Amino acid sequence: MGITRDSRHKRSASGAKRAHYRKKRKFELGRQPANTRLGPKRIHTVRVRGGSLKYRALRLDSGNFAWASEHVTRKTRLIGVVYNASNNELVRTNTLVKSAIIQVDATPFRQWYEAHYAQPVTRKGKAAEKSEEEEKKKSGSVVRKLEERKKDAKIDPLLESQFAAGRLYAAISSRPGQSGRADGYILEGKELEFYVRRLRAGAKKHQ
């Protein structure tokens, strides 16, 4: 039969059946869902109406994620899907879709933070930092620049605990089945608090 996106088969607002006066049309077609999973990158190209191409990601293992409060974006490894508002089955099967909440590797962001602010992200790294500082000599201008940056080097306690674990919560904002990419942003602030609450509530339910 084929997948169709027409609305002719639906009843009208008043409940009346609509008359069948035409067959299916090419511009109403739909395709199978991509169901993008975690794994070594595998992307198929799909020729679509007008001669354009869509990139159907079947497997993805990395993406570009933005840390909005620090104005920095890094490519990082995807670890797993932890929450999906629409369907828990998509969490169980590690299916990557837009707005899915996932965990990503914190290493690229930690490396950037430590290079930019010249101090560790977590409190545990403070002792190691002092011994390293003695070894490396910096010019006066570099020291002054780093001291200025350190004044603004504040980090959310929730994010700090995630950095300690080496995994950050992130949301996918691209459409893997259409663009062939799993890009997004690191969760922070109220949004992060909301999803942490949701994850804890879900964990309690399954105990």
N, C-alpha and C. Protein backbone atom coordinates (compact mmCIF):
# COMPACT_ATOMS: atom_id res chain seq x y z
N MET A 1 0.82 -1.22 0.00
CA MET A 1 0.00 0.00 0.00
C MET A 1 0.86 1.27 0.00
N GLY A 2 1.93 1.31 0.78
CA GLY A 2 2.74 2.51 0.87
C GLY A 2 2.25 3.44 1.96
N ILE A 3 3.19 4.22 2.50
CA ILE A 3 2.85 5.16 3.58
C ILE A 3 2.39 6.47 2.96
N THR A 4 1.26 6.98 3.42
CA THR A 4 0.74 8.24 2.88
C THR A 4 0.45 9.23 3.99
N ARG A 5 0.61 10.54 3.68
CA ARG A 5 0.40 11.58 4.68
C ARG A 5 -0.84 12.41 4.35
N ASP A 6 -1.74 11.88 3.54
CA ASP A 6 -2.93 12.66 3.16
C ASP A 6 -3.92 12.71 4.32
N SER A 7 -4.85 13.66 4.24
CA SER A 7 -5.90 13.76 5.27
C SER A 7 -7.28 13.52 4.67
N ARG A 8 -7.31 13.04 3.41
CA ARG A 8 -8.60 12.81 2.75
C ARG A 8 -9.36 11.67 3.41
N HIS A 9 -8.63 10.72 4.03
CA HIS A 9 -9.31 9.58 4.64
C HIS A 9 -9.91 9.92 6.01
N LYS A 10 -9.61 11.11 6.52
CA LYS A 10 -10.11 11.53 7.83
C LYS A 10 -11.52 12.10 7.69
N ARG A 11 -12.28 11.97 8.74
CA ARG A 11 -13.61 12.60 8.73
C ARG A 11 -13.46 14.11 8.90
N SER A 12 -14.48 14.86 8.46
CA SER A 12 -14.44 16.32 8.59
C SER A 12 -14.71 16.71 10.05
N ALA A 13 -14.62 18.00 10.35
CA ALA A 13 -14.78 18.49 11.72
C ALA A 13 -16.16 18.14 12.28
N SER A 14 -17.17 18.10 11.39
CA SER A 14 -18.54 17.78 11.83
C SER A 14 -18.78 16.28 11.96
N GLY A 15 -17.80 15.46 11.51
CA GLY A 15 -17.93 14.00 11.62
C GLY A 15 -18.36 13.33 10.33
N ALA A 16 -18.57 14.12 9.26
CA ALA A 16 -19.02 13.54 7.99
C ALA A 16 -17.87 12.83 7.29
N LYS A 17 -18.17 11.72 6.61
CA LYS A 17 -17.15 11.03 5.81
C LYS A 17 -16.89 11.82 4.55
N ARG A 18 -15.61 11.95 4.19
CA ARG A 18 -15.27 12.68 2.97
C ARG A 18 -15.35 11.75 1.77
N ALA A 19 -15.74 12.32 0.63
CA ALA A 19 -15.86 11.53 -0.60
C ALA A 19 -14.47 11.18 -1.13
N HIS A 20 -14.33 9.97 -1.70
CA HIS A 20 -13.07 9.55 -2.34
C HIS A 20 -13.14 9.97 -3.80
N TYR A 21 -12.42 11.03 -4.14
CA TYR A 21 -12.48 11.48 -5.54
C TYR A 21 -11.12 11.39 -6.22
N ARG A 22 -10.08 10.90 -5.49
CA ARG A 22 -8.79 10.73 -6.16
C ARG A 22 -7.95 9.67 -5.43
N LYS A 23 -6.94 9.19 -6.14
CA LYS A 23 -6.04 8.20 -5.55
C LYS A 23 -4.91 8.91 -4.80
N LYS A 24 -3.99 8.10 -4.30
CA LYS A 24 -2.84 8.68 -3.59
C LYS A 24 -1.99 9.50 -4.56
N ARG A 25 -1.33 10.51 -3.99
CA ARG A 25 -0.47 11.38 -4.80
C ARG A 25 0.98 11.28 -4.32
N LYS A 26 1.90 11.50 -5.26
CA LYS A 26 3.32 11.39 -4.93
C LYS A 26 3.72 12.38 -3.83
N PHE A 27 3.13 13.58 -3.88
CA PHE A 27 3.52 14.61 -2.90
C PHE A 27 2.97 14.33 -1.50
N GLU A 28 2.14 13.29 -1.37
CA GLU A 28 1.60 12.93 -0.05
C GLU A 28 2.33 11.74 0.58
N LEU A 29 3.39 11.27 -0.10
CA LEU A 29 4.01 10.04 0.39
C LEU A 29 4.76 10.26 1.71
N GLY A 30 4.92 9.17 2.45
CA GLY A 30 5.74 9.16 3.66
C GLY A 30 6.74 8.03 3.51
N ARG A 31 7.77 8.03 4.35
CA ARG A 31 8.78 6.96 4.28
C ARG A 31 8.94 6.31 5.65
N GLN A 32 9.62 5.17 5.65
CA GLN A 32 9.86 4.46 6.90
C GLN A 32 10.69 5.33 7.84
N PRO A 33 10.44 5.25 9.18
CA PRO A 33 11.26 6.05 10.11
C PRO A 33 12.70 5.56 10.11
N ALA A 34 13.63 6.46 10.38
CA ALA A 34 15.06 6.12 10.34
C ALA A 34 15.45 5.25 11.54
N ASN A 35 14.84 5.51 12.72
CA ASN A 35 15.19 4.81 13.96
C ASN A 35 16.71 4.79 14.17
N THR A 36 17.31 5.97 14.13
CA THR A 36 18.76 6.10 14.28
C THR A 36 19.22 5.54 15.62
N ARG A 37 20.22 4.64 15.58
CA ARG A 37 20.73 4.02 16.81
C ARG A 37 22.16 4.45 17.07
N LEU A 38 22.65 4.11 18.25
CA LEU A 38 24.06 4.35 18.58
C LEU A 38 24.92 3.29 17.91
N GLY A 39 26.02 3.71 17.31
CA GLY A 39 26.92 2.75 16.67
C GLY A 39 27.82 3.45 15.67
N PRO A 40 28.74 2.72 15.04
CA PRO A 40 29.63 3.32 14.03
C PRO A 40 28.82 4.01 12.93
N LYS A 41 29.24 5.21 12.54
CA LYS A 41 28.45 6.06 11.64
C LYS A 41 28.07 5.34 10.34
N ARG A 42 26.75 5.34 10.06
CA ARG A 42 26.25 4.77 8.80
C ARG A 42 25.11 5.67 8.32
N ILE A 43 25.28 6.30 7.17
CA ILE A 43 24.29 7.25 6.66
C ILE A 43 23.92 6.89 5.23
N HIS A 44 22.61 6.83 4.95
CA HIS A 44 22.13 6.60 3.59
C HIS A 44 21.59 7.91 3.03
N THR A 45 21.81 8.14 1.74
CA THR A 45 21.22 9.33 1.10
C THR A 45 19.90 8.92 0.45
N VAL A 46 18.92 9.81 0.56
CA VAL A 46 17.60 9.55 -0.01
C VAL A 46 17.27 10.68 -0.98
N ARG A 47 16.97 10.33 -2.21
CA ARG A 47 16.60 11.34 -3.21
C ARG A 47 15.14 11.70 -2.99
N VAL A 48 14.84 12.99 -2.81
CA VAL A 48 13.49 13.42 -2.46
C VAL A 48 12.91 14.34 -3.54
N ARG A 49 11.69 14.76 -3.33
CA ARG A 49 10.97 15.59 -4.30
C ARG A 49 11.75 16.86 -4.61
N GLY A 50 11.89 17.15 -5.88
CA GLY A 50 12.64 18.33 -6.30
C GLY A 50 14.10 18.04 -6.55
N GLY A 51 14.50 16.77 -6.40
CA GLY A 51 15.89 16.41 -6.66
C GLY A 51 16.84 16.64 -5.50
N SER A 52 16.31 17.09 -4.37
CA SER A 52 17.16 17.32 -3.20
C SER A 52 17.54 15.99 -2.56
N LEU A 53 18.46 16.05 -1.61
CA LEU A 53 18.88 14.85 -0.90
C LEU A 53 18.63 15.00 0.60
N LYS A 54 18.19 13.91 1.22
CA LYS A 54 18.11 13.85 2.68
C LYS A 54 19.15 12.84 3.12
N TYR A 55 19.67 13.04 4.30
CA TYR A 55 20.70 12.14 4.82
C TYR A 55 20.12 11.35 5.99
N ARG A 56 19.83 10.10 5.72
CA ARG A 56 19.15 9.23 6.69
C ARG A 56 20.20 8.53 7.56
N ALA A 57 20.41 9.04 8.77
CA ALA A 57 21.39 8.42 9.67
C ALA A 57 20.80 7.15 10.27
N LEU A 58 21.45 6.01 10.04
CA LEU A 58 21.01 4.74 10.60
C LEU A 58 21.78 4.43 11.89
N ARG A 59 23.04 4.86 11.94
CA ARG A 59 23.89 4.70 13.12
C ARG A 59 24.73 5.96 13.28
N LEU A 60 24.84 6.45 14.51
CA LEU A 60 25.70 7.61 14.80
C LEU A 60 26.42 7.38 16.13
N ASP A 61 27.65 7.89 16.24
CA ASP A 61 28.38 7.72 17.50
C ASP A 61 28.96 9.03 18.04
N SER A 62 28.77 10.14 17.29
CA SER A 62 29.29 11.42 17.78
C SER A 62 28.47 12.58 17.21
N GLY A 63 28.66 13.76 17.78
CA GLY A 63 27.93 14.94 17.31
C GLY A 63 28.55 16.21 17.87
N ASN A 64 28.13 17.36 17.34
CA ASN A 64 28.61 18.66 17.82
C ASN A 64 27.63 19.20 18.86
N PHE A 65 28.16 19.51 20.04
CA PHE A 65 27.30 20.00 21.12
C PHE A 65 27.80 21.34 21.63
N ALA A 66 26.85 22.25 21.85
CA ALA A 66 27.16 23.61 22.28
C ALA A 66 27.00 23.74 23.79
N TRP A 67 27.99 24.39 24.41
CA TRP A 67 27.89 24.75 25.83
C TRP A 67 27.54 26.22 25.84
N ALA A 68 26.26 26.54 25.90
CA ALA A 68 25.76 27.88 25.61
C ALA A 68 26.32 28.94 26.55
N SER A 69 26.38 28.68 27.85
CA SER A 69 26.82 29.69 28.81
C SER A 69 28.29 30.06 28.62
N GLU A 70 29.07 29.14 28.02
CA GLU A 70 30.50 29.40 27.79
C GLU A 70 30.79 29.76 26.34
N HIS A 71 29.75 29.75 25.49
CA HIS A 71 29.90 30.10 24.06
C HIS A 71 30.95 29.22 23.38
N VAL A 72 30.85 27.92 23.59
CA VAL A 72 31.82 27.01 22.98
C VAL A 72 31.11 25.76 22.49
N THR A 73 31.56 25.24 21.35
CA THR A 73 30.99 24.02 20.77
C THR A 73 32.11 23.03 20.51
N ARG A 74 31.86 21.78 20.85
CA ARG A 74 32.86 20.74 20.63
C ARG A 74 32.22 19.46 20.09
N LYS A 75 32.98 18.74 19.28
CA LYS A 75 32.53 17.42 18.81
C LYS A 75 32.82 16.43 19.92
N THR A 76 31.84 15.61 20.27
CA THR A 76 32.02 14.67 21.37
C THR A 76 31.30 13.36 21.12
N ARG A 77 31.67 12.36 21.89
CA ARG A 77 31.13 11.00 21.72
C ARG A 77 29.78 10.88 22.42
N LEU A 78 28.82 10.22 21.76
CA LEU A 78 27.52 9.95 22.36
C LEU A 78 27.63 8.68 23.21
N ILE A 79 27.10 8.73 24.43
CA ILE A 79 27.21 7.57 25.33
C ILE A 79 25.92 6.78 25.37
N GLY A 80 24.77 7.46 25.50
CA GLY A 80 23.51 6.72 25.55
C GLY A 80 22.32 7.65 25.73
N VAL A 81 21.13 7.13 25.43
CA VAL A 81 19.89 7.89 25.59
C VAL A 81 19.37 7.62 27.01
N VAL A 82 19.03 8.70 27.73
CA VAL A 82 18.57 8.52 29.11
C VAL A 82 17.11 8.90 29.32
N TYR A 83 16.56 9.75 28.43
CA TYR A 83 15.16 10.17 28.62
C TYR A 83 14.56 10.59 27.29
N ASN A 84 13.30 10.22 27.09
CA ASN A 84 12.56 10.68 25.92
C ASN A 84 11.12 10.90 26.34
N ALA A 85 10.64 12.14 26.17
CA ALA A 85 9.31 12.50 26.66
C ALA A 85 8.20 11.74 25.95
N SER A 86 8.46 11.29 24.71
CA SER A 86 7.39 10.69 23.91
C SER A 86 7.25 9.18 24.14
N ASN A 87 8.37 8.49 24.39
CA ASN A 87 8.29 7.03 24.41
C ASN A 87 9.50 6.42 25.12
N ASN A 88 9.24 5.63 26.17
CA ASN A 88 10.33 4.98 26.91
C ASN A 88 11.04 3.91 26.08
N GLU A 89 10.34 3.38 25.08
CA GLU A 89 10.93 2.35 24.21
C GLU A 89 12.14 2.92 23.46
N LEU A 90 12.10 4.22 23.15
CA LEU A 90 13.21 4.86 22.45
C LEU A 90 14.44 5.00 23.35
N VAL A 91 14.21 5.01 24.67
CA VAL A 91 15.32 5.04 25.64
C VAL A 91 15.95 3.65 25.71
N ARG A 92 15.11 2.64 25.82
CA ARG A 92 15.58 1.25 25.95
C ARG A 92 16.42 0.83 24.74
N THR A 93 15.99 1.27 23.56
CA THR A 93 16.67 0.87 22.32
C THR A 93 17.76 1.85 21.88
N ASN A 94 18.02 2.89 22.71
CA ASN A 94 19.03 3.92 22.38
C ASN A 94 18.78 4.54 21.01
N THR A 95 17.53 4.94 20.76
CA THR A 95 17.17 5.56 19.48
C THR A 95 17.36 7.08 19.56
N LEU A 96 18.11 7.63 18.60
CA LEU A 96 18.41 9.07 18.59
C LEU A 96 17.37 9.82 17.76
N VAL A 97 16.60 10.67 18.42
CA VAL A 97 15.62 11.52 17.73
C VAL A 97 15.76 12.95 18.27
N LYS A 98 15.14 13.90 17.58
CA LYS A 98 15.18 15.28 18.05
C LYS A 98 14.55 15.38 19.45
N SER A 99 15.14 16.19 20.32
CA SER A 99 14.67 16.44 21.70
C SER A 99 14.92 15.28 22.66
N ALA A 100 15.60 14.23 22.21
CA ALA A 100 15.97 13.14 23.13
C ALA A 100 17.04 13.67 24.09
N ILE A 101 16.96 13.24 25.35
CA ILE A 101 17.98 13.63 26.33
C ILE A 101 19.00 12.50 26.39
N ILE A 102 20.26 12.86 26.14
CA ILE A 102 21.31 11.84 26.06
C ILE A 102 22.48 12.21 26.99
N GLN A 103 23.40 11.27 27.15
CA GLN A 103 24.65 11.55 27.85
C GLN A 103 25.78 11.58 26.84
N VAL A 104 26.64 12.60 26.97
CA VAL A 104 27.79 12.72 26.06
C VAL A 104 29.09 12.76 26.89
N ASP A 105 30.19 12.45 26.24
CA ASP A 105 31.50 12.44 26.89
C ASP A 105 31.90 13.87 27.27
N ALA A 106 32.27 14.09 28.52
CA ALA A 106 32.60 15.44 29.02
C ALA A 106 34.03 15.87 28.69
N THR A 107 34.88 14.95 28.23
CA THR A 107 36.32 15.23 28.07
C THR A 107 36.63 16.47 27.21
N PRO A 108 36.04 16.63 25.98
CA PRO A 108 36.39 17.82 25.17
C PRO A 108 36.06 19.14 25.88
N PHE A 109 34.94 19.15 26.62
CA PHE A 109 34.53 20.37 27.32
C PHE A 109 35.42 20.62 28.54
N ARG A 110 35.81 19.56 29.23
CA ARG A 110 36.70 19.71 30.39
C ARG A 110 38.07 20.23 29.94
N GLN A 111 38.58 19.69 28.83
CA GLN A 111 39.88 20.12 28.30
C GLN A 111 39.85 21.61 27.91
N TRP A 112 38.74 22.01 27.26
CA TRP A 112 38.62 23.43 26.88
C TRP A 112 38.58 24.31 28.11
N TYR A 113 37.77 23.94 29.11
CA TYR A 113 37.61 24.74 30.33
C TYR A 113 38.94 24.91 31.05
N GLU A 114 39.69 23.81 31.17
CA GLU A 114 40.96 23.85 31.90
C GLU A 114 42.01 24.66 31.14
N ALA A 115 41.95 24.64 29.80
CA ALA A 115 42.89 25.45 29.00
C ALA A 115 42.50 26.93 29.03
N HIS A 116 41.19 27.21 29.03
CA HIS A 116 40.69 28.58 28.96
C HIS A 116 40.84 29.32 30.29
N TYR A 117 40.49 28.63 31.39
CA TYR A 117 40.51 29.27 32.71
C TYR A 117 41.74 28.91 33.54
N ALA A 118 42.55 27.98 33.03
CA ALA A 118 43.77 27.54 33.74
C ALA A 118 43.47 27.08 35.15
N GLN A 119 42.34 26.37 35.31
CA GLN A 119 41.98 25.77 36.59
C GLN A 119 41.06 24.58 36.32
N PRO A 120 41.07 23.57 37.21
CA PRO A 120 40.25 22.39 36.96
C PRO A 120 38.75 22.68 37.11
N VAL A 121 37.93 21.88 36.45
CA VAL A 121 36.47 22.06 36.51
C VAL A 121 35.95 21.68 37.88
N THR A 122 36.48 20.57 38.44
CA THR A 122 35.98 20.06 39.71
C THR A 122 36.94 20.41 40.85
N ARG A 123 36.42 20.39 42.07
CA ARG A 123 37.22 20.72 43.25
C ARG A 123 38.32 19.69 43.49
N LYS A 124 38.06 18.45 43.06
CA LYS A 124 39.04 17.36 43.30
C LYS A 124 40.37 17.64 42.60
N GLY A 125 40.32 18.40 41.49
CA GLY A 125 41.54 18.64 40.73
C GLY A 125 42.40 19.78 41.25
N LYS A 126 41.97 20.48 42.31
CA LYS A 126 42.70 21.65 42.82
C LYS A 126 44.12 21.30 43.26
N ALA A 127 44.29 20.19 44.00
CA ALA A 127 45.61 19.81 44.53
C ALA A 127 46.59 19.51 43.39
N ALA A 128 46.11 18.80 42.37
CA ALA A 128 46.97 18.46 41.23
C ALA A 128 47.38 19.71 40.47
N GLU A 129 46.48 20.71 40.44
CA GLU A 129 46.73 21.94 39.69
C GLU A 129 47.90 22.72 40.30
N LYS A 130 48.00 22.76 41.63
CA LYS A 130 49.05 23.55 42.28
C LYS A 130 50.45 23.05 41.91
N SER A 131 50.62 21.72 41.89
CA SER A 131 51.92 21.16 41.55
C SER A 131 52.29 21.43 40.09
N GLU A 132 51.29 21.43 39.20
CA GLU A 132 51.53 21.69 37.78
C GLU A 132 51.89 23.15 37.55
N GLU A 133 51.27 24.05 38.32
CA GLU A 133 51.49 25.49 38.16
C GLU A 133 52.95 25.86 38.40
N GLU A 134 53.57 25.17 39.37
CA GLU A 134 54.96 25.45 39.70
C GLU A 134 55.89 25.13 38.53
N GLU A 135 55.55 24.07 37.78
CA GLU A 135 56.40 23.62 36.67
C GLU A 135 56.32 24.57 35.47
N LYS A 136 55.12 25.02 35.13
CA LYS A 136 54.93 25.84 33.93
C LYS A 136 55.08 27.32 34.24
N LYS A 137 55.96 28.00 33.51
CA LYS A 137 56.13 29.44 33.68
C LYS A 137 55.38 30.17 32.58
N LYS A 138 54.66 31.21 32.96
CA LYS A 138 53.87 31.98 31.98
C LYS A 138 54.32 33.43 32.00
N SER A 139 54.13 34.14 30.87
CA SER A 139 54.48 35.56 30.81
C SER A 139 53.48 36.37 31.62
N GLY A 140 53.85 37.58 31.97
CA GLY A 140 53.00 38.45 32.79
C GLY A 140 51.65 38.72 32.15
N SER A 141 51.66 38.95 30.82
CA SER A 141 50.39 39.26 30.12
C SER A 141 49.44 38.07 30.15
N VAL A 142 50.00 36.86 29.99
CA VAL A 142 49.17 35.65 30.02
C VAL A 142 48.58 35.44 31.42
N VAL A 143 49.41 35.66 32.44
CA VAL A 143 48.95 35.51 33.83
C VAL A 143 47.81 36.48 34.12
N ARG A 144 47.98 37.76 33.68
CA ARG A 144 46.93 38.76 33.92
C ARG A 144 45.63 38.39 33.22
N LYS A 145 45.76 37.89 31.97
CA LYS A 145 44.58 37.47 31.19
C LYS A 145 43.84 36.34 31.90
N LEU A 146 44.61 35.35 32.39
CA LEU A 146 44.00 34.20 33.07
C LEU A 146 43.34 34.61 34.39
N GLU A 147 43.96 35.56 35.09
CA GLU A 147 43.39 36.04 36.36
C GLU A 147 42.05 36.72 36.11
N GLU A 148 41.97 37.48 34.99
CA GLU A 148 40.70 38.15 34.63
C GLU A 148 39.62 37.11 34.32
N ARG A 149 40.03 36.06 33.58
CA ARG A 149 39.07 35.01 33.21
C ARG A 149 38.56 34.27 34.45
N LYS A 150 39.45 34.04 35.41
CA LYS A 150 39.09 33.26 36.60
C LYS A 150 37.98 33.92 37.41
N LYS A 151 37.85 35.25 37.28
CA LYS A 151 36.78 35.96 38.00
C LYS A 151 35.39 35.50 37.55
N ASP A 152 35.29 35.09 36.27
CA ASP A 152 33.99 34.66 35.70
C ASP A 152 33.86 33.14 35.64
N ALA A 153 34.83 32.43 36.19
CA ALA A 153 34.84 30.97 36.06
C ALA A 153 33.95 30.29 37.09
N LYS A 154 32.66 30.55 36.97
CA LYS A 154 31.70 29.91 37.89
C LYS A 154 31.00 28.79 37.13
N ILE A 155 30.75 27.69 37.83
CA ILE A 155 30.12 26.55 37.17
C ILE A 155 28.99 26.01 38.04
N ASP A 156 27.90 25.63 37.41
CA ASP A 156 26.72 25.09 38.09
C ASP A 156 27.11 23.83 38.88
N PRO A 157 26.71 23.72 40.17
CA PRO A 157 27.05 22.50 40.95
C PRO A 157 26.58 21.20 40.29
N LEU A 158 25.41 21.25 39.61
CA LEU A 158 24.92 20.05 38.92
C LEU A 158 25.86 19.66 37.77
N LEU A 159 26.35 20.69 37.06
CA LEU A 159 27.29 20.42 35.96
C LEU A 159 28.62 19.91 36.50
N GLU A 160 29.02 20.47 37.64
CA GLU A 160 30.30 20.07 38.25
C GLU A 160 30.30 18.58 38.61
N SER A 161 29.16 18.11 39.16
CA SER A 161 29.06 16.69 39.53
C SER A 161 29.09 15.80 38.28
N GLN A 162 28.53 16.32 37.18
CA GLN A 162 28.56 15.56 35.92
C GLN A 162 29.99 15.50 35.35
N PHE A 163 30.72 16.62 35.46
CA PHE A 163 32.11 16.63 35.00
C PHE A 163 32.94 15.63 35.79
N ALA A 164 32.64 15.52 37.10
CA ALA A 164 33.36 14.57 37.95
C ALA A 164 33.12 13.14 37.48
N ALA A 165 31.90 12.88 37.00
CA ALA A 165 31.55 11.55 36.50
C ALA A 165 32.03 11.33 35.06
N GLY A 166 32.37 12.43 34.37
CA GLY A 166 32.87 12.32 32.99
C GLY A 166 31.78 12.25 31.94
N ARG A 167 30.52 12.52 32.36
CA ARG A 167 29.39 12.48 31.41
C ARG A 167 28.49 13.69 31.62
N LEU A 168 28.06 14.30 30.51
CA LEU A 168 27.17 15.47 30.59
C LEU A 168 25.82 15.13 29.96
N TYR A 169 24.75 15.68 30.55
CA TYR A 169 23.43 15.55 29.94
C TYR A 169 23.30 16.57 28.81
N ALA A 170 22.76 16.13 27.68
CA ALA A 170 22.59 17.02 26.53
C ALA A 170 21.28 16.69 25.83
N ALA A 171 20.78 17.66 25.06
CA ALA A 171 19.56 17.46 24.27
C ALA A 171 19.93 17.53 22.79
N ILE A 172 19.33 16.64 22.00
CA ILE A 172 19.56 16.67 20.54
C ILE A 172 18.61 17.70 19.92
N SER A 173 19.16 18.63 19.15
CA SER A 173 18.32 19.65 18.52
C SER A 173 18.24 19.49 17.00
N SER A 174 19.07 18.60 16.43
CA SER A 174 18.98 18.33 14.99
C SER A 174 18.04 17.14 14.77
N ARG A 175 17.79 16.82 13.51
CA ARG A 175 16.91 15.68 13.17
C ARG A 175 17.75 14.61 12.47
N PRO A 176 18.23 13.61 13.25
CA PRO A 176 19.16 12.63 12.68
C PRO A 176 18.65 11.92 11.43
N GLY A 177 17.35 11.67 11.34
CA GLY A 177 16.79 10.97 10.19
C GLY A 177 16.65 11.85 8.95
N GLN A 178 16.81 13.17 9.11
CA GLN A 178 16.67 14.09 7.97
C GLN A 178 18.02 14.69 7.57
N SER A 179 18.83 15.07 8.58
CA SER A 179 20.10 15.76 8.29
C SER A 179 21.31 14.84 8.42
N GLY A 180 21.11 13.66 9.01
CA GLY A 180 22.22 12.73 9.18
C GLY A 180 23.18 13.13 10.27
N ARG A 181 22.74 14.00 11.19
CA ARG A 181 23.60 14.48 12.27
C ARG A 181 22.87 14.43 13.60
N ALA A 182 23.63 14.23 14.67
CA ALA A 182 23.06 14.28 16.02
C ALA A 182 23.76 15.40 16.77
N ASP A 183 23.35 16.64 16.47
CA ASP A 183 23.93 17.82 17.13
C ASP A 183 22.96 18.35 18.17
N GLY A 184 23.47 19.09 19.14
CA GLY A 184 22.58 19.61 20.17
C GLY A 184 23.30 20.55 21.12
N TYR A 185 22.83 20.57 22.37
CA TYR A 185 23.39 21.48 23.36
C TYR A 185 23.42 20.83 24.73
N ILE A 186 24.35 21.28 25.57
CA ILE A 186 24.51 20.78 26.94
C ILE A 186 23.40 21.38 27.80
N LEU A 187 22.76 20.55 28.61
CA LEU A 187 21.69 21.04 29.49
C LEU A 187 22.27 21.82 30.66
N GLU A 188 21.65 22.96 30.96
CA GLU A 188 22.09 23.80 32.08
C GLU A 188 20.89 24.45 32.74
N GLY A 189 21.11 25.01 33.93
CA GLY A 189 20.10 25.83 34.60
C GLY A 189 18.82 25.09 34.90
N LYS A 190 17.70 25.80 34.68
CA LYS A 190 16.36 25.26 35.01
C LYS A 190 16.05 24.01 34.20
N GLU A 191 16.49 24.00 32.94
CA GLU A 191 16.22 22.86 32.07
C GLU A 191 16.92 21.60 32.60
N LEU A 192 18.16 21.75 33.03
CA LEU A 192 18.91 20.63 33.60
C LEU A 192 18.24 20.14 34.88
N GLU A 193 17.83 21.08 35.75
CA GLU A 193 17.16 20.71 37.01
C GLU A 193 15.89 19.91 36.72
N PHE A 194 15.13 20.35 35.70
CA PHE A 194 13.87 19.67 35.35
C PHE A 194 14.14 18.23 34.94
N TYR A 195 15.12 18.02 34.04
CA TYR A 195 15.37 16.66 33.55
C TYR A 195 16.02 15.77 34.61
N VAL A 196 16.81 16.35 35.49
CA VAL A 196 17.38 15.55 36.60
C VAL A 196 16.24 15.06 37.50
N ARG A 197 15.26 15.93 37.75
CA ARG A 197 14.07 15.53 38.55
C ARG A 197 13.31 14.41 37.86
N ARG A 198 13.12 14.54 36.54
CA ARG A 198 12.38 13.52 35.78
C ARG A 198 13.11 12.17 35.82
N LEU A 199 14.44 12.22 35.70
CA LEU A 199 15.22 10.98 35.71
C LEU A 199 15.17 10.31 37.07
N ARG A 200 15.23 11.12 38.14
CA ARG A 200 15.16 10.57 39.49
C ARG A 200 13.80 9.96 39.75
N ALA A 201 12.73 10.64 39.28
CA ALA A 201 11.36 10.12 39.45
C ALA A 201 11.20 8.80 38.71
N GLY A 202 11.78 8.71 37.51
CA GLY A 202 11.72 7.47 36.74
C GLY A 202 12.46 6.35 37.41
N ALA A 203 13.62 6.67 38.03
CA ALA A 203 14.42 5.66 38.71
C ALA A 203 13.68 5.11 39.94
N LYS A 204 12.99 6.00 40.67
CA LYS A 204 12.22 5.57 41.86
C LYS A 204 11.09 4.63 41.47
N LYS A 205 10.45 4.94 40.34
CA LYS A 205 9.31 4.14 39.86
C LYS A 205 9.71 2.68 39.62
N HIS A 206 10.93 2.50 39.09
CA HIS A 206 11.37 1.16 38.69
C HIS A 206 12.10 0.40 39.80
N GLN A 207 12.13 0.98 41.01
CA GLN A 207 12.79 0.29 42.13
C GLN A 207 11.94 -0.83 42.69
